[in-house]
């Protein structure tokens, strides 16, 4: 009989402890979900800063966009801007824009 006990004990595998992270509490899960949602919202609303460098000078394209919008609003105060295309020609130090596919203008930088 002793032989049977030692044989059966040797053949049964021992329960191994799993490594890794500890289980999170409900409060920790809510905080982690909130942090993920905030980082995802920040990533979705990412607006890159684009800077054009040419022959030793540089200009921020965001300032050119704002200048184009301001130029359009001086001419057409009540018209909404639904489409804006900006064409930058650094060799002329000018940016040409087309608003709503009908109004043309230019901005020097």
PDB file of N, CA and C in Angstrom:
ATOM      1  N   UNK A   1       0.794  -1.177   0.000  1.00  0.00           N
ATOM      2  CA  UNK A   1       0.000   0.000   0.000  1.00  0.00           C
ATOM      3  C   UNK A   1       0.847   1.256   0.000  1.00  0.00           C
ATOM      4  N   UNK A   2       1.943   1.227   0.667  1.00  0.00           N
ATOM      5  CA  UNK A   2       2.804   2.395   0.669  1.00  0.00           C
ATOM      6  C   UNK A   2       3.291   2.713  -0.734  1.00  0.00           C
ATOM      7  N   UNK A   3       3.442   1.680  -1.497  1.00  0.00           N
ATOM      8  CA  UNK A   3       3.912   1.854  -2.843  1.00  0.00           C
ATOM      9  C   UNK A   3       2.883   2.621  -3.684  1.00  0.00           C
ATOM     10  N   UNK A   4       1.622   2.351  -3.467  1.00  0.00           N
ATOM     11  CA  UNK A   4       0.568   3.016  -4.224  1.00  0.00           C
ATOM     12  C   UNK A   4       0.491   4.496  -3.880  1.00  0.00           C
ATOM     13  N   UNK A   5       0.662   4.867  -2.620  1.00  0.00           N
ATOM     14  CA  UNK A   5       0.583   6.258  -2.206  1.00  0.00           C
ATOM     15  C   UNK A   5       1.723   7.079  -2.810  1.00  0.00           C
ATOM     16  N   UNK A   6       2.899   6.561  -2.833  1.00  0.00           N
ATOM     17  CA  UNK A   6       4.029   7.303  -3.374  1.00  0.00           C
ATOM     18  C   UNK A   6       3.923   7.419  -4.888  1.00  0.00           C
ATOM     19  N   UNK A   7       3.383   6.418  -5.525  1.00  0.00           N
ATOM     20  CA  UNK A   7       3.245   6.456  -6.971  1.00  0.00           C
ATOM     21  C   UNK A   7       2.181   7.460  -7.379  1.00  0.00           C
ATOM     22  N   UNK A   8       1.050   7.488  -6.705  1.00  0.00           N
ATOM     23  CA  UNK A   8      -0.025   8.411  -7.064  1.00  0.00           C
ATOM     24  C   UNK A   8       0.372   9.860  -6.754  1.00  0.00           C
ATOM     25  N   UNK A   9       1.125  10.078  -5.710  1.00  0.00           N
ATOM     26  CA  UNK A   9       1.565  11.423  -5.361  1.00  0.00           C
ATOM     27  C   UNK A   9       2.585  11.933  -6.377  1.00  0.00           C
ATOM     28  N   UNK A  10       3.379  11.066  -6.888  1.00  0.00           N
ATOM     29  CA  UNK A  10       4.416  11.465  -7.831  1.00  0.00           C
ATOM     30  C   UNK A  10       3.825  11.761  -9.209  1.00  0.00           C
ATOM     31  N   UNK A  11       2.722  11.122  -9.566  1.00  0.00           N
ATOM     32  CA  UNK A  11       2.153  11.323 -10.891  1.00  0.00           C
ATOM     33  C   UNK A  11       1.252  12.559 -10.959  1.00  0.00           C
ATOM     34  N   UNK A  12       0.712  13.041  -9.846  1.00  0.00           N
ATOM     35  CA  UNK A  12      -0.139  14.226  -9.861  1.00  0.00           C
ATOM     36  C   UNK A  12       0.731  15.477  -9.952  1.00  0.00           C
ATOM     37  N   UNK A  13       0.456  16.342 -10.914  1.00  0.00           N
ATOM     38  CA  UNK A  13       1.260  17.568 -11.015  1.00  0.00           C
ATOM     39  C   UNK A  13       0.863  18.552  -9.920  1.00  0.00           C
ATOM     40  N   UNK A  14       1.832  19.295  -9.477  1.00  0.00           N
ATOM     41  CA  UNK A  14       1.572  20.299  -8.448  1.00  0.00           C
ATOM     42  C   UNK A  14       0.963  21.529  -9.112  1.00  0.00           C
ATOM     43  N   UNK A  15       0.100  22.209  -8.400  1.00  0.00           N
ATOM     44  CA  UNK A  15      -0.517  23.432  -8.924  1.00  0.00           C
ATOM     45  C   UNK A  15       0.541  24.528  -8.948  1.00  0.00           C
ATOM     46  N   UNK A  16       0.766  25.102 -10.132  1.00  0.00           N
ATOM     47  CA  UNK A  16       1.770  26.145 -10.267  1.00  0.00           C
ATOM     48  C   UNK A  16       1.106  27.496 -10.105  1.00  0.00           C
ATOM     49  N   UNK A  17       1.824  28.403  -9.498  1.00  0.00           N
ATOM     50  CA  UNK A  17       1.327  29.765  -9.374  1.00  0.00           C
ATOM     51  C   UNK A  17       1.629  30.496 -10.665  1.00  0.00           C
ATOM     52  N   UNK A  18       0.620  31.231 -11.149  1.00  0.00           N
ATOM     53  CA  UNK A  18       0.821  31.998 -12.366  1.00  0.00           C
ATOM     54  C   UNK A  18       1.497  33.313 -12.023  1.00  0.00           C
ATOM     55  N   UNK A  19       2.447  33.685 -12.838  1.00  0.00           N
ATOM     56  CA  UNK A  19       3.113  34.960 -12.657  1.00  0.00           C
ATOM     57  C   UNK A  19       2.332  36.046 -13.371  1.00  0.00           C
ATOM     58  N   UNK A  20       2.783  37.254 -13.287  1.00  0.00           N
ATOM     59  CA  UNK A  20       2.125  38.341 -14.004  1.00  0.00           C
ATOM     60  C   UNK A  20       1.516  39.355 -13.060  1.00  0.00           C
ATOM     61  N   UNK A  21       0.529  40.048 -13.570  1.00  0.00           N
ATOM     62  CA  UNK A  21      -0.082  41.135 -12.808  1.00  0.00           C
ATOM     63  C   UNK A  21      -1.048  40.612 -11.761  1.00  0.00           C
ATOM     64  N   UNK A  22      -1.198  41.399 -10.736  1.00  0.00           N
ATOM     65  CA  UNK A  22      -2.182  41.095  -9.714  1.00  0.00           C
ATOM     66  C   UNK A  22      -3.544  41.559 -10.204  1.00  0.00           C
ATOM     67  N   UNK A  23      -4.609  40.923  -9.796  1.00  0.00           N
ATOM     68  CA  UNK A  23      -5.941  41.364 -10.209  1.00  0.00           C
ATOM     69  C   UNK A  23      -6.214  42.788  -9.726  1.00  0.00           C
ATOM     70  N   UNK A  24      -6.913  43.556 -10.559  1.00  0.00           N
ATOM     71  CA  UNK A  24      -7.225  44.946 -10.227  1.00  0.00           C
ATOM     72  C   UNK A  24      -8.552  45.021  -9.494  1.00  0.00           C
ATOM     73  N   UNK A  25      -8.633  45.975  -8.599  1.00  0.00           N
ATOM     74  CA  UNK A  25      -9.899  46.216  -7.915  1.00  0.00           C
ATOM     75  C   UNK A  25     -10.799  47.020  -8.844  1.00  0.00           C
ATOM     76  N   UNK A  26     -12.050  47.170  -8.465  1.00  0.00           N
ATOM     77  CA  UNK A  26     -13.008  47.903  -9.299  1.00  0.00           C
ATOM     78  C   UNK A  26     -12.585  49.363  -9.453  1.00  0.00           C
ATOM     79  N   UNK A  27     -12.077  49.964  -8.386  1.00  0.00           N
ATOM     80  CA  UNK A  27     -11.614  51.353  -8.445  1.00  0.00           C
ATOM     81  C   UNK A  27     -10.416  51.509  -9.360  1.00  0.00           C
ATOM     82  N   UNK A  28      -9.503  50.551  -9.305  1.00  0.00           N
ATOM     83  CA  UNK A  28      -8.327  50.593 -10.167  1.00  0.00           C
ATOM     84  C   UNK A  28      -8.712  50.389 -11.629  1.00  0.00           C
ATOM     85  N   UNK A  29      -9.705  49.527 -11.880  1.00  0.00           N
ATOM     86  CA  UNK A  29     -10.169  49.317 -13.247  1.00  0.00           C
ATOM     87  C   UNK A  29     -10.804  50.581 -13.800  1.00  0.00           C
ATOM     88  N   UNK A  30     -11.591  51.267 -12.992  1.00  0.00           N
ATOM     89  CA  UNK A  30     -12.242  52.501 -13.433  1.00  0.00           C
ATOM     90  C   UNK A  30     -11.199  53.586 -13.713  1.00  0.00           C
ATOM     91  N   UNK A  31     -10.189  53.698 -12.854  1.00  0.00           N
ATOM     92  CA  UNK A  31      -9.132  54.690 -13.056  1.00  0.00           C
ATOM     93  C   UNK A  31      -8.333  54.377 -14.313  1.00  0.00           C
ATOM     94  N   UNK A  32      -8.040  53.110 -14.560  1.00  0.00           N
ATOM     95  CA  UNK A  32      -7.299  52.716 -15.762  1.00  0.00           C
ATOM     96  C   UNK A  32      -8.121  52.979 -17.014  1.00  0.00           C
ATOM     97  N   UNK A  33      -9.425  52.704 -16.961  1.00  0.00           N
ATOM     98  CA  UNK A  33     -10.291  52.961 -18.113  1.00  0.00           C
ATOM     99  C   UNK A  33     -10.375  54.452 -18.400  1.00  0.00           C
ATOM    100  N   UNK A  34     -10.436  55.265 -17.354  1.00  0.00           N
ATOM    101  CA  UNK A  34     -10.496  56.719 -17.532  1.00  0.00           C
ATOM    102  C   UNK A  34      -9.194  57.227 -18.151  1.00  0.00           C
ATOM    103  N   UNK A  35      -8.071  56.717 -17.683  1.00  0.00           N
ATOM    104  CA  UNK A  35      -6.773  57.126 -18.225  1.00  0.00           C
ATOM    105  C   UNK A  35      -6.640  56.720 -19.692  1.00  0.00           C
ATOM    106  N   UNK A  36      -7.104  55.509 -20.034  1.00  0.00           N
ATOM    107  CA  UNK A  36      -7.061  55.070 -21.438  1.00  0.00           C
ATOM    108  C   UNK A  36      -7.948  55.946 -22.308  1.00  0.00           C
ATOM    109  N   UNK A  37      -9.137  56.300 -21.808  1.00  0.00           N
ATOM    110  CA  UNK A  37     -10.059  57.144 -22.574  1.00  0.00           C
ATOM    111  C   UNK A  37      -9.464  58.529 -22.798  1.00  0.00           C
ATOM    112  N   UNK A  38      -8.809  59.089 -21.783  1.00  0.00           N
ATOM    113  CA  UNK A  38      -8.185  60.407 -21.920  1.00  0.00           C
ATOM    114  C   UNK A  38      -7.043  60.371 -22.933  1.00  0.00           C
ATOM    115  N   UNK A  39      -6.206  59.336 -22.881  1.00  0.00           N
ATOM    116  CA  UNK A  39      -5.094  59.250 -23.822  1.00  0.00           C
ATOM    117  C   UNK A  39      -5.600  58.985 -25.241  1.00  0.00           C
ATOM    118  N   UNK A  40      -6.684  58.226 -25.375  1.00  0.00           N
ATOM    119  CA  UNK A  40      -7.253  57.975 -26.699  1.00  0.00           C
ATOM    120  C   UNK A  40      -7.857  59.247 -27.276  1.00  0.00           C
ATOM    121  N   UNK A  41      -8.532  60.038 -26.445  1.00  0.00           N
ATOM    122  CA  UNK A  41      -9.111  61.304 -26.907  1.00  0.00           C
ATOM    123  C   UNK A  41      -8.007  62.269 -27.321  1.00  0.00           C
ATOM    124  N   UNK A  42      -6.919  62.282 -26.571  1.00  0.00           N
ATOM    125  CA  UNK A  42      -5.790  63.155 -26.910  1.00  0.00           C
ATOM    126  C   UNK A  42      -5.162  62.724 -28.233  1.00  0.00           C
ATOM    127  N   UNK A  43      -5.040  61.428 -28.453  1.00  0.00           N
ATOM    128  CA  UNK A  43      -4.463  60.924 -29.699  1.00  0.00           C
ATOM    129  C   UNK A  43      -5.374  61.209 -30.885  1.00  0.00           C
ATOM    130  N   UNK A  44      -6.694  61.105 -30.681  1.00  0.00           N
ATOM    131  CA  UNK A  44      -7.629  61.365 -31.776  1.00  0.00           C
ATOM    132  C   UNK A  44      -7.677  62.834 -32.149  1.00  0.00           C
ATOM    133  N   UNK A  45      -7.430  63.713 -31.190  1.00  0.00           N
ATOM    134  CA  UNK A  45      -7.489  65.148 -31.475  1.00  0.00           C
ATOM    135  C   UNK A  45      -6.101  65.737 -31.717  1.00  0.00           C
ATOM    136  N   UNK A  46      -5.150  64.897 -32.026  1.00  0.00           N
ATOM    137  CA  UNK A  46      -3.782  65.346 -32.264  1.00  0.00           C
ATOM    138  C   UNK A  46      -3.729  66.271 -33.471  1.00  0.00           C
ATOM    139  N   UNK A  47      -3.132  67.418 -33.276  1.00  0.00           N
ATOM    140  CA  UNK A  47      -2.931  68.359 -34.360  1.00  0.00           C
ATOM    141  C   UNK A  47      -1.426  68.616 -34.443  1.00  0.00           C
ATOM    142  N   UNK A  48      -0.791  68.091 -35.468  1.00  0.00           N
ATOM    143  CA  UNK A  48       0.658  68.249 -35.550  1.00  0.00           C
ATOM    144  C   UNK A  48       1.057  69.682 -35.862  1.00  0.00           C
ATOM    145  N   UNK A  49       2.205  70.054 -35.383  1.00  0.00           N
ATOM    146  CA  UNK A  49       2.767  71.359 -35.693  1.00  0.00           C
ATOM    147  C   UNK A  49       3.685  71.181 -36.898  1.00  0.00           C
ATOM    148  N   UNK A  50       3.353  71.864 -37.997  1.00  0.00           N
ATOM    149  CA  UNK A  50       4.128  71.724 -39.223  1.00  0.00           C
ATOM    150  C   UNK A  50       4.859  73.036 -39.482  1.00  0.00           C
ATOM    151  N   UNK A  51       6.176  72.937 -39.613  1.00  0.00           N
ATOM    152  CA  UNK A  51       7.014  74.115 -39.823  1.00  0.00           C
ATOM    153  C   UNK A  51       7.778  73.922 -41.127  1.00  0.00           C
ATOM    154  N   UNK A  52       7.684  74.918 -41.989  1.00  0.00           N
ATOM    155  CA  UNK A  52       8.367  74.887 -43.272  1.00  0.00           C
ATOM    156  C   UNK A  52       9.686  75.644 -43.145  1.00  0.00           C
ATOM    157  N   UNK A  53      10.782  74.976 -43.496  1.00  0.00           N
ATOM    158  CA  UNK A  53      12.092  75.605 -43.480  1.00  0.00           C
ATOM    159  C   UNK A  53      12.600  75.689 -44.909  1.00  0.00           C
ATOM    160  N   UNK A  54      13.079  76.896 -45.291  1.00  0.00           N
ATOM    161  CA  UNK A  54      13.564  77.091 -46.643  1.00  0.00           C
ATOM    162  C   UNK A  54      14.604  78.195 -46.641  1.00  0.00           C
ATOM    163  N   UNK A  55      15.782  77.907 -47.105  1.00  0.00           N
ATOM    164  CA  UNK A  55      16.890  78.839 -47.237  1.00  0.00           C
ATOM    165  C   UNK A  55      17.122  79.681 -45.980  1.00  0.00           C
ATOM    166  N   UNK A  56      17.241  79.024 -44.866  1.00  0.00           N
ATOM    167  CA  UNK A  56      17.584  79.705 -43.623  1.00  0.00           C
ATOM    168  C   UNK A  56      16.436  80.382 -42.912  1.00  0.00           C
ATOM    169  N   UNK A  57      15.233  80.313 -43.418  1.00  0.00           N
ATOM    170  CA  UNK A  57      14.089  80.898 -42.713  1.00  0.00           C
ATOM    171  C   UNK A  57      13.069  79.801 -42.475  1.00  0.00           C
ATOM    172  N   UNK A  58      12.199  80.044 -41.535  1.00  0.00           N
ATOM    173  CA  UNK A  58      11.157  79.063 -41.253  1.00  0.00           C
ATOM    174  C   UNK A  58       9.854  79.781 -40.942  1.00  0.00           C
ATOM    175  N   UNK A  59       8.762  79.089 -41.220  1.00  0.00           N
ATOM    176  CA  UNK A  59       7.434  79.634 -40.956  1.00  0.00           C
ATOM    177  C   UNK A  59       6.544  78.486 -40.481  1.00  0.00           C
ATOM    178  N   UNK A  60       5.722  78.787 -39.494  1.00  0.00           N
ATOM    179  CA  UNK A  60       4.772  77.812 -38.965  1.00  0.00           C
ATOM    180  C   UNK A  60       3.534  77.839 -39.854  1.00  0.00           C
ATOM    181  N   UNK A  61       3.125  76.689 -40.359  1.00  0.00           N
ATOM    182  CA  UNK A  61       1.996  76.639 -41.272  1.00  0.00           C
ATOM    183  C   UNK A  61       0.675  76.965 -40.579  1.00  0.00           C
ATOM    184  N   UNK A  62       0.595  76.757 -39.278  1.00  0.00           N
ATOM    185  CA  UNK A  62      -0.623  77.128 -38.547  1.00  0.00           C
ATOM    186  C   UNK A  62      -0.851  78.633 -38.602  1.00  0.00           C
ATOM    187  N   UNK A  63       0.224  79.417 -38.533  1.00  0.00           N
ATOM    188  CA  UNK A  63       0.070  80.867 -38.617  1.00  0.00           C
ATOM    189  C   UNK A  63      -0.366  81.282 -40.022  1.00  0.00           C
ATOM    190  N   UNK A  64       0.093  80.565 -41.052  1.00  0.00           N
ATOM    191  CA  UNK A  64      -0.351  80.859 -42.405  1.00  0.00           C
ATOM    192  C   UNK A  64      -1.829  80.534 -42.588  1.00  0.00           C
ATOM    193  N   UNK A  65      -2.277  79.446 -41.996  1.00  0.00           N
ATOM    194  CA  UNK A  65      -3.696  79.080 -42.079  1.00  0.00           C
ATOM    195  C   UNK A  65      -4.547  80.142 -41.404  1.00  0.00           C
ATOM    196  N   UNK A  66      -4.121  80.584 -40.218  1.00  0.00           N
ATOM    197  CA  UNK A  66      -4.879  81.617 -39.511  1.00  0.00           C
ATOM    198  C   UNK A  66      -4.873  82.939 -40.283  1.00  0.00           C
ATOM    199  N   UNK A  67      -3.761  83.273 -40.920  1.00  0.00           N
ATOM    200  CA  UNK A  67      -3.688  84.492 -41.723  1.00  0.00           C
ATOM    201  C   UNK A  67      -4.599  84.396 -42.950  1.00  0.00           C
ATOM    202  N   UNK A  68      -4.677  83.206 -43.552  1.00  0.00           N
ATOM    203  CA  UNK A  68      -5.570  83.009 -44.695  1.00  0.00           C
ATOM    204  C   UNK A  68      -7.028  83.142 -44.265  1.00  0.00           C
ATOM    205  N   UNK A  69      -7.368  82.590 -43.116  1.00  0.00           N
ATOM    206  CA  UNK A  69      -8.733  82.719 -42.596  1.00  0.00           C
ATOM    207  C   UNK A  69      -9.063  84.178 -42.303  1.00  0.00           C
ATOM    208  N   UNK A  70      -8.114  84.890 -41.719  1.00  0.00           N
ATOM    209  CA  UNK A  70      -8.336  86.311 -41.408  1.00  0.00           C
ATOM    210  C   UNK A  70      -8.508  87.126 -42.683  1.00  0.00           C
ATOM    211  N   UNK A  71      -7.715  86.835 -43.703  1.00  0.00           N
ATOM    212  CA  UNK A  71      -7.848  87.529 -44.969  1.00  0.00           C
ATOM    213  C   UNK A  71      -9.199  87.281 -45.617  1.00  0.00           C
ATOM    214  N   UNK A  72      -9.675  86.060 -45.533  1.00  0.00           N
ATOM    215  CA  UNK A  72     -10.993  85.737 -46.079  1.00  0.00           C
ATOM    216  C   UNK A  72     -12.101  86.437 -45.300  1.00  0.00           C
ATOM    217  N   UNK A  73     -11.971  86.467 -43.989  1.00  0.00           N
ATOM    218  CA  UNK A  73     -13.013  87.088 -43.155  1.00  0.00           C
ATOM    219  C   UNK A  73     -13.080  88.601 -43.341  1.00  0.00           C
ATOM    220  N   UNK A  74     -11.992  89.220 -43.758  1.00  0.00           N
ATOM    221  CA  UNK A  74     -12.031  90.650 -44.056  1.00  0.00           C
ATOM    222  C   UNK A  74     -12.909  90.921 -45.270  1.00  0.00           C
ATOM    223  N   UNK A  75     -12.880  90.008 -46.226  1.00  0.00           N
ATOM    224  CA  UNK A  75     -13.672  90.176 -47.449  1.00  0.00           C
ATOM    225  C   UNK A  75     -15.103  89.675 -47.273  1.00  0.00           C
ATOM    226  N   UNK A  76     -15.255  88.499 -46.709  1.00  0.00           N
ATOM    227  CA  UNK A  76     -16.564  87.843 -46.577  1.00  0.00           C
ATOM    228  C   UNK A  76     -16.802  87.538 -45.103  1.00  0.00           C
ATOM    229  N   UNK A  77     -17.373  88.464 -44.381  1.00  0.00           N
ATOM    230  CA  UNK A  77     -17.491  88.334 -42.929  1.00  0.00           C
ATOM    231  C   UNK A  77     -18.473  87.253 -42.500  1.00  0.00           C
ATOM    232  N   UNK A  78     -19.539  87.046 -43.224  1.00  0.00           N
ATOM    233  CA  UNK A  78     -20.589  86.136 -42.772  1.00  0.00           C
ATOM    234  C   UNK A  78     -20.537  84.761 -43.433  1.00  0.00           C
ATOM    235  N   UNK A  79     -19.624  84.551 -44.320  1.00  0.00           N
ATOM    236  CA  UNK A  79     -19.525  83.263 -45.004  1.00  0.00           C
ATOM    237  C   UNK A  79     -18.689  82.298 -44.165  1.00  0.00           C
ATOM    238  N   UNK A  80     -19.226  81.109 -43.953  1.00  0.00           N
ATOM    239  CA  UNK A  80     -18.497  80.085 -43.205  1.00  0.00           C
ATOM    240  C   UNK A  80     -17.418  79.460 -44.082  1.00  0.00           C
ATOM    241  N   UNK A  81     -16.328  79.107 -43.474  1.00  0.00           N
ATOM    242  CA  UNK A  81     -15.239  78.440 -44.185  1.00  0.00           C
ATOM    243  C   UNK A  81     -15.463  76.942 -44.063  1.00  0.00           C
ATOM    244  N   UNK A  82     -15.830  76.319 -45.177  1.00  0.00           N
ATOM    245  CA  UNK A  82     -16.038  74.871 -45.170  1.00  0.00           C
ATOM    246  C   UNK A  82     -14.896  74.124 -45.836  1.00  0.00           C
ATOM    247  N   UNK A  83     -14.110  74.828 -46.637  1.00  0.00           N
ATOM    248  CA  UNK A  83     -12.992  74.193 -47.326  1.00  0.00           C
ATOM    249  C   UNK A  83     -11.873  75.218 -47.471  1.00  0.00           C
ATOM    250  N   UNK A  84     -10.668  74.839 -47.123  1.00  0.00           N
ATOM    251  CA  UNK A  84      -9.517  75.739 -47.232  1.00  0.00           C
ATOM    252  C   UNK A  84      -8.344  74.952 -47.794  1.00  0.00           C
ATOM    253  N   UNK A  85      -7.819  75.430 -48.905  1.00  0.00           N
ATOM    254  CA  UNK A  85      -6.627  74.827 -49.490  1.00  0.00           C
ATOM    255  C   UNK A  85      -5.540  75.886 -49.483  1.00  0.00           C
ATOM    256  N   UNK A  86      -4.376  75.500 -48.971  1.00  0.00           N
ATOM    257  CA  UNK A  86      -3.254  76.426 -48.827  1.00  0.00           C
ATOM    258  C   UNK A  86      -2.104  75.927 -49.694  1.00  0.00           C
ATOM    259  N   UNK A  87      -1.638  76.784 -50.587  1.00  0.00           N
ATOM    260  CA  UNK A  87      -0.520  76.457 -51.475  1.00  0.00           C
ATOM    261  C   UNK A  87       0.652  77.351 -51.077  1.00  0.00           C
ATOM    262  N   UNK A  88       1.721  76.749 -50.593  1.00  0.00           N
ATOM    263  CA  UNK A  88       2.874  77.497 -50.096  1.00  0.00           C
ATOM    264  C   UNK A  88       3.972  77.474 -51.147  1.00  0.00           C
ATOM    265  N   UNK A  89       4.447  78.681 -51.501  1.00  0.00           N
ATOM    266  CA  UNK A  89       5.563  78.817 -52.444  1.00  0.00           C
ATOM    267  C   UNK A  89       6.690  79.534 -51.711  1.00  0.00           C
ATOM    268  N   UNK A  90       7.597  78.760 -51.099  1.00  0.00           N
ATOM    269  CA  UNK A  90       8.651  79.379 -50.295  1.00  0.00           C
ATOM    270  C   UNK A  90       9.607  80.232 -51.113  1.00  0.00           C
ATOM    271  N   UNK A  91       9.816  79.907 -52.382  1.00  0.00           N
ATOM    272  CA  UNK A  91      10.738  80.713 -53.185  1.00  0.00           C
ATOM    273  C   UNK A  91      10.194  82.119 -53.418  1.00  0.00           C
ATOM    274  N   UNK A  92       8.872  82.288 -53.368  1.00  0.00           N
ATOM    275  CA  UNK A  92       8.258  83.614 -53.484  1.00  0.00           C
ATOM    276  C   UNK A  92       7.904  84.213 -52.129  1.00  0.00           C
ATOM    277  N   UNK A  93       8.091  83.425 -51.067  1.00  0.00           N
ATOM    278  CA  UNK A  93       7.705  83.799 -49.705  1.00  0.00           C
ATOM    279  C   UNK A  93       6.233  84.200 -49.659  1.00  0.00           C
ATOM    280  N   UNK A  94       5.403  83.414 -50.345  1.00  0.00           N
ATOM    281  CA  UNK A  94       3.961  83.653 -50.408  1.00  0.00           C
ATOM    282  C   UNK A  94       3.218  82.349 -50.170  1.00  0.00           C
ATOM    283  N   UNK A  95       2.028  82.493 -49.640  1.00  0.00           N
ATOM    284  CA  UNK A  95       1.109  81.367 -49.503  1.00  0.00           C
ATOM    285  C   UNK A  95      -0.200  81.787 -50.164  1.00  0.00           C
ATOM    286  N   UNK A  96      -0.640  80.981 -51.099  1.00  0.00           N
ATOM    287  CA  UNK A  96      -1.880  81.258 -51.807  1.00  0.00           C
ATOM    288  C   UNK A  96      -2.957  80.337 -51.251  1.00  0.00           C
ATOM    289  N   UNK A  97      -4.176  80.850 -51.115  1.00  0.00           N
ATOM    290  CA  UNK A  97      -5.234  80.024 -50.551  1.00  0.00           C
ATOM    291  C   UNK A  97      -6.494  80.123 -51.394  1.00  0.00           C
ATOM    292  N   UNK A  98      -7.296  79.065 -51.317  1.00  0.00           N
ATOM    293  CA  UNK A  98      -8.601  78.988 -51.960  1.00  0.00           C
ATOM    294  C   UNK A  98      -9.579  78.566 -50.876  1.00  0.00           C
ATOM    295  N   UNK A  99     -10.599  79.395 -50.656  1.00  0.00           N
ATOM    296  CA  UNK A  99     -11.595  79.117 -49.625  1.00  0.00           C
ATOM    297  C   UNK A  99     -12.908  78.768 -50.310  1.00  0.00           C
ATOM    298  N   UNK A 100     -13.502  77.664 -49.887  1.00  0.00           N
ATOM    299  CA  UNK A 100     -14.792  77.184 -50.401  1.00  0.00           C
ATOM    300  C   UNK A 100     -14.791  77.043 -51.925  1.00  0.00           C
ATOM    301  N   UNK A 101     -13.644  76.781 -52.476  1.00  0.00           N
ATOM    302  CA  UNK A 101     -13.437  76.552 -53.900  1.00  0.00           C
ATOM    303  C   UNK A 101     -13.824  77.733 -54.791  1.00  0.00           C
ATOM    304  N   UNK A 102     -14.030  78.912 -54.195  1.00  0.00           N
ATOM    305  CA  UNK A 102     -14.420  80.069 -55.014  1.00  0.00           C
ATOM    306  C   UNK A 102     -13.592  81.308 -54.741  1.00  0.00           C
ATOM    307  N   UNK A 103     -13.189  81.529 -53.514  1.00  0.00           N
ATOM    308  CA  UNK A 103     -12.493  82.765 -53.155  1.00  0.00           C
ATOM    309  C   UNK A 103     -10.996  82.509 -53.113  1.00  0.00           C
ATOM    310  N   UNK A 104     -10.215  83.311 -53.827  1.00  0.00           N
ATOM    311  CA  UNK A 104      -8.747  83.187 -53.873  1.00  0.00           C
ATOM    312  C   UNK A 104      -8.109  84.370 -53.156  1.00  0.00           C
ATOM    313  N   UNK A 105      -6.958  84.112 -52.581  1.00  0.00           N
ATOM    314  CA  UNK A 105      -6.202  85.173 -51.926  1.00  0.00           C
ATOM    315  C   UNK A 105      -4.780  84.727 -51.698  1.00  0.00           C
ATOM    316  N   UNK A 106      -3.988  85.628 -51.107  1.00  0.00           N
ATOM    317  CA  UNK A 106      -2.595  85.285 -50.818  1.00  0.00           C
ATOM    318  C   UNK A 106      -2.165  85.950 -49.530  1.00  0.00           C
ATOM    319  N   UNK A 107      -1.144  85.351 -48.923  1.00  0.00           N
ATOM    320  CA  UNK A 107      -0.579  85.834 -47.663  1.00  0.00           C
ATOM    321  C   UNK A 107       0.937  85.808 -47.815  1.00  0.00           C
ATOM    322  N   UNK A 108       1.580  86.914 -47.476  1.00  0.00           N
ATOM    323  CA  UNK A 108       3.048  86.933 -47.493  1.00  0.00           C
ATOM    324  C   UNK A 108       3.560  86.465 -46.137  1.00  0.00           C
ATOM    325  N   UNK A 109       4.719  85.801 -46.157  1.00  0.00           N
ATOM    326  CA  UNK A 109       5.345  85.405 -44.885  1.00  0.00           C
ATOM    327  C   UNK A 109       6.791  85.763 -44.858  1.00  0.00           C
TER     328      UNK A 109
END
